[in-house]
Protein backbone atom coordinates (compact mmCIF):
# COMPACT_ATOMS: atom_id res chain seq x y z
CA MET A 1 0.00 0.00 0.00
CA GLY A 2 1.19 3.52 0.67
CA LYS A 3 3.72 5.02 3.04
CA ASN A 4 2.82 7.16 6.01
CA ASP A 5 3.96 10.76 5.82
CA SER A 6 4.02 13.44 8.47
CA GLY A 7 0.72 15.13 9.20
CA GLY A 8 -1.44 11.98 9.10
CA ARG A 9 -1.06 11.54 5.35
CA LYS A 10 -0.89 8.12 3.72
CA ILE A 11 0.83 8.44 0.35
CA ILE A 12 -0.75 6.37 -2.40
CA THR A 13 1.51 7.27 -5.30
CA ASP A 14 4.40 9.62 -5.97
CA ASN A 15 5.25 11.04 -9.39
CA ARG A 16 9.06 10.95 -9.19
CA LYS A 17 9.38 11.54 -12.92
CA ALA A 18 7.90 15.03 -12.46
CA ARG A 19 10.88 16.08 -10.32
CA TYR A 20 13.22 14.90 -13.06
CA LEU A 21 11.39 16.53 -15.99
CA TYR A 22 10.34 19.79 -14.30
CA GLU A 23 11.77 22.41 -12.00
CA LEU A 24 8.98 22.55 -9.41
CA LEU A 25 8.30 26.08 -8.15
CA GLU A 26 5.15 25.95 -5.95
CA THR A 27 2.90 23.14 -4.71
CA TYR A 28 -0.81 23.15 -3.95
CA GLN A 29 -3.06 20.62 -2.22
CA ALA A 30 -6.28 19.90 -4.07
CA GLY A 31 -9.23 17.64 -3.48
CA ILE A 32 -10.39 15.48 -6.37
CA GLU A 33 -13.89 14.61 -7.53
CA LEU A 34 -14.11 10.81 -7.80
CA GLN A 35 -16.63 8.06 -8.43
CA GLY A 36 -17.11 5.18 -5.98
CA THR A 37 -15.11 2.52 -7.81
CA GLU A 38 -12.25 4.98 -8.30
CA VAL A 39 -11.85 5.37 -4.54
CA LYS A 40 -11.70 1.59 -4.12
CA SER A 41 -9.02 1.31 -6.82
CA ILE A 42 -7.04 4.14 -5.22
CA ARG A 43 -7.21 2.38 -1.84
CA ALA A 44 -5.72 -0.66 -3.59
CA GLY A 45 -2.91 1.57 -4.91
CA ARG A 46 -3.76 1.11 -8.59
CA VAL A 47 -2.92 4.64 -9.79
CA ASN A 48 -0.43 5.86 -12.41
CA MET A 49 0.25 9.61 -12.52
CA GLN A 50 3.31 9.54 -14.78
CA ASP A 51 1.69 11.07 -17.89
CA GLY A 52 -0.78 13.22 -15.97
CA TYR A 53 -1.10 16.99 -15.98
CA ALA A 54 -3.58 19.61 -14.84
CA LEU A 55 -5.32 22.42 -16.71
CA VAL A 56 -7.34 25.44 -15.71
CA ARG A 57 -10.32 25.77 -18.05
CA ASN A 58 -13.36 28.06 -17.60
CA GLY A 59 -12.32 28.93 -14.05
CA GLU A 60 -12.08 25.27 -12.95
CA ALA A 61 -9.05 23.02 -12.48
CA TRP A 62 -9.00 19.61 -14.19
CA LEU A 63 -6.73 16.59 -13.77
CA ILE A 64 -6.07 14.97 -17.13
CA ASN A 65 -4.53 11.66 -18.23
CA VAL A 66 -4.12 10.12 -14.76
CA HIS A 67 -4.78 6.40 -14.96
CA ILE A 68 -6.87 4.85 -12.16
CA SER A 69 -7.33 1.16 -12.96
CA PRO A 70 -10.88 -0.23 -13.04
CA TYR A 71 -11.96 -1.96 -9.83
CA GLU A 72 -11.71 -5.72 -10.42
CA THR A 73 -14.75 -6.93 -8.48
CA SER A 74 -17.12 -4.38 -10.01
CA ALA A 75 -18.55 -5.04 -13.43
CA TYR A 76 -21.47 -2.75 -14.17
CA PHE A 77 -20.62 0.41 -12.21
CA ASN A 78 -16.97 0.64 -13.23
CA HIS A 79 -15.29 3.88 -14.33
CA GLU A 80 -13.24 4.90 -17.36
CA PRO A 81 -9.52 4.67 -16.38
CA ARG A 82 -8.24 7.91 -17.97
CA ARG A 83 -11.26 10.17 -17.62
CA THR A 84 -10.85 13.89 -16.87
CA ARG A 85 -11.38 14.57 -13.17
CA LYS A 86 -12.22 17.87 -11.52
CA LEU A 87 -9.79 19.27 -8.95
CA LEU A 88 -11.27 21.06 -5.94
CA LEU A 89 -9.41 24.27 -5.13
CA HIS A 90 -10.32 27.60 -3.60
CA ARG A 91 -11.17 30.40 -6.04
CA LYS A 92 -8.10 32.44 -4.97
CA GLU A 93 -5.82 29.47 -5.68
CA ILE A 94 -7.37 28.92 -9.11
CA ASN A 95 -6.93 32.60 -9.98
CA LYS A 96 -3.29 32.45 -8.89
CA LEU A 97 -2.75 29.30 -10.98
CA ILE A 98 -4.29 31.01 -14.02
CA GLY A 99 -1.77 33.83 -13.63
CA LEU A 100 1.17 31.44 -13.26
CA VAL A 101 0.21 29.15 -16.14
CA ASP A 102 -0.24 32.10 -18.51
CA GLN A 103 3.46 32.86 -18.07
CA LYS A 104 5.68 31.28 -20.69
CA GLY A 105 6.72 27.70 -20.07
CA LEU A 106 4.89 26.97 -16.80
CA THR A 107 2.65 23.94 -16.42
CA LEU A 108 0.69 22.14 -13.69
CA VAL A 109 1.97 18.67 -12.79
CA PRO A 110 0.53 16.22 -10.23
CA THR A 111 3.30 15.12 -7.88
CA LYS A 112 1.57 13.04 -5.18
CA MET A 113 -1.75 11.44 -4.40
CA TYR A 114 -2.52 10.66 -0.78
CA PHE A 115 -5.22 10.15 1.82
CA LYS A 116 -5.65 12.91 4.39
CA ASN A 117 -8.34 12.44 7.05
CA GLY A 118 -9.98 9.77 4.86
CA LEU A 119 -10.18 12.01 1.78
CA VAL A 120 -8.17 11.64 -1.42
CA LYS A 121 -5.92 14.64 -2.05
CA VAL A 122 -3.66 15.46 -4.99
CA GLU A 123 -0.57 17.62 -4.69
CA ILE A 124 -0.10 19.65 -7.86
CA ALA A 125 2.99 21.69 -8.59
CA VAL A 126 3.67 24.60 -10.88
CA GLY A 127 6.70 23.58 -12.88
CA ARG A 128 8.98 24.79 -15.63
CA GLY A 129 10.28 22.18 -18.06
CA LYS A 130 13.96 21.36 -17.67
CA LYS A 131 16.31 21.44 -20.62
CA LEU A 132 18.65 18.52 -21.32
CA HIS A 133 21.63 20.21 -19.65
CA ASP A 134 19.53 20.88 -16.51
CA LYS A 135 18.64 17.19 -16.31
CA ARG A 136 22.33 16.29 -16.63
CA ASP A 137 23.21 18.74 -13.85
CA THR A 138 20.57 17.16 -11.59
CA MET A 139 21.93 13.67 -12.26
CA LYS A 140 25.52 14.83 -11.68
CA LYS A 141 24.63 16.49 -8.35
CA ARG A 142 22.77 13.37 -7.22
CA ASP A 143 25.72 11.12 -8.13
CA ASP A 144 28.19 13.45 -6.38
CA GLN A 145 26.02 13.44 -3.25
CA ARG A 146 25.93 9.62 -3.25
CA GLN A 147 29.73 9.44 -3.59
CA MET A 148 30.22 11.88 -0.71
CA GLU A 149 27.85 9.84 1.48
CA ARG A 150 29.72 6.62 0.63
CA ALA A 151 33.06 8.25 1.44
CA MET A 152 31.74 9.58 4.77
CA LYS A 153 30.32 6.15 5.62
CA GLN A 154 33.68 4.42 5.09
CA TYR A 155 35.55 6.70 7.52
């Protein structure tokens, strides 16, 4: 299942690829409008957020292309896996996101999905796409940090 995080959160899935592809500037916590079988699939941990993104359209935030697998034991009332889902944010947050996304090169990326007080929450981040040399710098820094930790561990 998921890991426990500070603040009573139980993480369901983490989009680690987002941190590699984007420079994440700000994060927001949003509720998500779900159907019944989607919640059961999420509890089972059957979520893939890798190709997902968020949009602000007509003053509402939408989560697009996040795959929630159909619930196995349900046949008739099952949901569509990649349907567009509404994100629940305050009006001030949506207005701020509209201003940020209108700037050149910024996008909304889901980074985590977790349970908080029994409700499913999505953490979305405003990110700027990294160039190839930025990705290489990130990998180089991570490798250097690992080597320093290994050296410190030996002594």
